[in-house]
Amino acid sequence: MAARLWFIGSLLVALGLAARLIGWEFLLWVPRSVMNFIYEDPATSGIITLGILLMVVAQLIRRRD
Protein backbone atom coordinates (compact mmCIF):
# COMPACT_ATOMS: atom_id res chain seq x y z
CA MET A 1 0.00 0.00 0.00
CA ALA A 2 2.82 2.39 0.84
CA ALA A 3 4.43 1.73 -2.54
CA ARG A 4 1.20 2.61 -4.33
CA LEU A 5 0.80 5.83 -2.35
CA TRP A 6 4.40 6.75 -3.13
CA PHE A 7 3.78 6.10 -6.83
CA ILE A 8 0.60 8.20 -6.87
CA GLY A 9 2.37 11.03 -5.06
CA SER A 10 5.26 10.92 -7.53
CA LEU A 11 2.80 10.92 -10.42
CA LEU A 12 1.03 13.99 -9.05
CA VAL A 13 4.31 15.84 -8.57
CA ALA A 14 5.32 15.00 -12.15
CA LEU A 15 1.92 16.15 -13.43
CA GLY A 16 2.23 19.44 -11.55
CA LEU A 17 5.72 20.07 -12.89
CA ALA A 18 4.64 19.22 -16.43
CA ALA A 19 1.67 21.58 -16.14
CA ARG A 20 3.98 24.33 -14.93
CA LEU A 21 6.48 23.78 -17.75
CA ILE A 22 4.24 23.18 -20.77
CA GLY A 23 0.81 24.34 -19.58
CA TRP A 24 -2.52 22.73 -18.89
CA GLU A 25 -3.84 23.34 -22.41
CA PHE A 26 -1.28 20.97 -23.89
CA LEU A 27 -1.75 18.37 -21.13
CA LEU A 28 -5.54 18.38 -21.50
CA TRP A 29 -5.36 17.90 -25.28
CA VAL A 30 -5.21 14.10 -24.91
CA PRO A 31 -8.36 13.73 -22.75
CA ARG A 32 -10.22 16.08 -25.08
CA SER A 33 -9.21 13.98 -28.08
CA VAL A 34 -10.35 10.80 -26.32
CA MET A 35 -13.73 12.34 -25.50
CA ASN A 36 -14.17 13.47 -29.11
CA PHE A 37 -13.32 9.94 -30.31
CA ILE A 38 -15.90 8.42 -27.94
CA TYR A 39 -18.55 10.89 -29.11
CA GLU A 40 -17.81 10.33 -32.82
CA ASP A 41 -17.51 6.51 -32.75
CA PRO A 42 -19.13 4.98 -29.66
CA ALA A 43 -19.10 1.37 -30.95
CA THR A 44 -15.35 1.27 -31.50
CA SER A 45 -14.63 3.02 -28.23
CA GLY A 46 -16.89 0.52 -26.45
CA ILE A 47 -14.93 -2.40 -27.88
CA ILE A 48 -11.65 -0.77 -26.85
CA THR A 49 -13.01 -0.11 -23.34
CA LEU A 50 -14.15 -3.74 -23.03
CA GLY A 51 -10.68 -4.91 -24.07
CA ILE A 52 -9.00 -2.69 -21.48
CA LEU A 53 -11.43 -3.92 -18.81
CA LEU A 54 -10.64 -7.56 -19.65
CA MET A 55 -6.90 -6.86 -19.45
CA VAL A 56 -7.33 -5.27 -16.00
CA VAL A 57 -9.38 -8.23 -14.78
CA ALA A 58 -6.74 -10.64 -16.10
CA GLN A 59 -4.04 -8.69 -14.25
CA LEU A 60 -6.04 -8.81 -11.01
CA ILE A 61 -6.56 -12.57 -11.37
CA ARG A 62 -2.85 -13.06 -12.08
CA ARG A 63 -1.89 -11.15 -8.89
CA ARG A 64 -4.08 -13.38 -6.71
CA ASP A 65 -2.44 -16.58 -7.92
C-alpha atoms as a PDB file:
ATOM      1  CA  MET A   1       0.000   0.000   0.000  1.00  0.00           C
ATOM      2  CA  ALA A   2       2.823   2.389   0.838  1.00  0.00           C
ATOM      3  CA  ALA A   3       4.428   1.735  -2.543  1.00  0.00           C
ATOM      4  CA  ARG A   4       1.196   2.611  -4.332  1.00  0.00           C
ATOM      5  CA  LEU A   5       0.796   5.827  -2.348  1.00  0.00           C
ATOM      6  CA  TRP A   6       4.402   6.750  -3.127  1.00  0.00           C
ATOM      7  CA  PHE A   7       3.782   6.100  -6.829  1.00  0.00           C
ATOM      8  CA  ILE A   8       0.600   8.198  -6.870  1.00  0.00           C
ATOM      9  CA  GLY A   9       2.375  11.029  -5.058  1.00  0.00           C
ATOM     10  CA  SER A  10       5.256  10.922  -7.530  1.00  0.00           C
ATOM     11  CA  LEU A  11       2.801  10.919 -10.416  1.00  0.00           C
ATOM     12  CA  LEU A  12       1.026  13.994  -9.046  1.00  0.00           C
ATOM     13  CA  VAL A  13       4.312  15.842  -8.567  1.00  0.00           C
ATOM     14  CA  ALA A  14       5.318  15.004 -12.150  1.00  0.00           C
ATOM     15  CA  LEU A  15       1.919  16.153 -13.427  1.00  0.00           C
ATOM     16  CA  GLY A  16       2.230  19.442 -11.553  1.00  0.00           C
ATOM     17  CA  LEU A  17       5.724  20.067 -12.891  1.00  0.00           C
ATOM     18  CA  ALA A  18       4.644  19.217 -16.434  1.00  0.00           C
ATOM     19  CA  ALA A  19       1.671  21.576 -16.140  1.00  0.00           C
ATOM     20  CA  ARG A  20       3.978  24.326 -14.926  1.00  0.00           C
ATOM     21  CA  LEU A  21       6.477  23.781 -17.746  1.00  0.00           C
ATOM     22  CA  ILE A  22       4.243  23.182 -20.771  1.00  0.00           C
ATOM     23  CA  GLY A  23       0.812  24.339 -19.578  1.00  0.00           C
ATOM     24  CA  TRP A  24      -2.522  22.734 -18.894  1.00  0.00           C
ATOM     25  CA  GLU A  25      -3.840  23.337 -22.409  1.00  0.00           C
ATOM     26  CA  PHE A  26      -1.278  20.966 -23.887  1.00  0.00           C
ATOM     27  CA  LEU A  27      -1.754  18.374 -21.129  1.00  0.00           C
ATOM     28  CA  LEU A  28      -5.536  18.376 -21.502  1.00  0.00           C
ATOM     29  CA  TRP A  29      -5.362  17.897 -25.276  1.00  0.00           C
ATOM     30  CA  VAL A  30      -5.209  14.100 -24.906  1.00  0.00           C
ATOM     31  CA  PRO A  31      -8.357  13.726 -22.750  1.00  0.00           C
ATOM     32  CA  ARG A  32     -10.225  16.079 -25.076  1.00  0.00           C
ATOM     33  CA  SER A  33      -9.206  13.977 -28.075  1.00  0.00           C
ATOM     34  CA  VAL A  34     -10.350  10.804 -26.319  1.00  0.00           C
ATOM     35  CA  MET A  35     -13.735  12.343 -25.501  1.00  0.00           C
ATOM     36  CA  ASN A  36     -14.169  13.469 -29.114  1.00  0.00           C
ATOM     37  CA  PHE A  37     -13.320   9.944 -30.307  1.00  0.00           C
ATOM     38  CA  ILE A  38     -15.903   8.416 -27.941  1.00  0.00           C
ATOM     39  CA  TYR A  39     -18.545  10.886 -29.112  1.00  0.00           C
ATOM     40  CA  GLU A  40     -17.810  10.330 -32.818  1.00  0.00           C
ATOM     41  CA  ASP A  41     -17.509   6.513 -32.754  1.00  0.00           C
ATOM     42  CA  PRO A  42     -19.125   4.977 -29.665  1.00  0.00           C
ATOM     43  CA  ALA A  43     -19.103   1.370 -30.945  1.00  0.00           C
ATOM     44  CA  THR A  44     -15.350   1.268 -31.498  1.00  0.00           C
ATOM     45  CA  SER A  45     -14.631   3.018 -28.226  1.00  0.00           C
ATOM     46  CA  GLY A  46     -16.895   0.518 -26.454  1.00  0.00           C
ATOM     47  CA  ILE A  47     -14.928  -2.400 -27.877  1.00  0.00           C
ATOM     48  CA  ILE A  48     -11.646  -0.767 -26.846  1.00  0.00           C
ATOM     49  CA  THR A  49     -13.013  -0.114 -23.340  1.00  0.00           C
ATOM     50  CA  LEU A  50     -14.145  -3.735 -23.026  1.00  0.00           C
ATOM     51  CA  GLY A  51     -10.682  -4.911 -24.073  1.00  0.00           C
ATOM     52  CA  ILE A  52      -9.005  -2.692 -21.477  1.00  0.00           C
ATOM     53  CA  LEU A  53     -11.428  -3.919 -18.809  1.00  0.00           C
ATOM     54  CA  LEU A  54     -10.639  -7.555 -19.646  1.00  0.00           C
ATOM     55  CA  MET A  55      -6.897  -6.856 -19.452  1.00  0.00           C
ATOM     56  CA  VAL A  56      -7.331  -5.267 -16.004  1.00  0.00           C
ATOM     57  CA  VAL A  57      -9.383  -8.233 -14.776  1.00  0.00           C
ATOM     58  CA  ALA A  58      -6.739 -10.639 -16.100  1.00  0.00           C
ATOM     59  CA  GLN A  59      -4.042  -8.687 -14.254  1.00  0.00           C
ATOM     60  CA  LEU A  60      -6.037  -8.814 -11.011  1.00  0.00           C
ATOM     61  CA  ILE A  61      -6.556 -12.568 -11.370  1.00  0.00           C
ATOM     62  CA  ARG A  62      -2.853 -13.060 -12.077  1.00  0.00           C
ATOM     63  CA  ARG A  63      -1.887 -11.153  -8.890  1.00  0.00           C
ATOM     64  CA  ARG A  64      -4.078 -13.377  -6.715  1.00  0.00           C
ATOM     65  CA  ASP A  65      -2.438 -16.584  -7.918  1.00  0.00           C
END
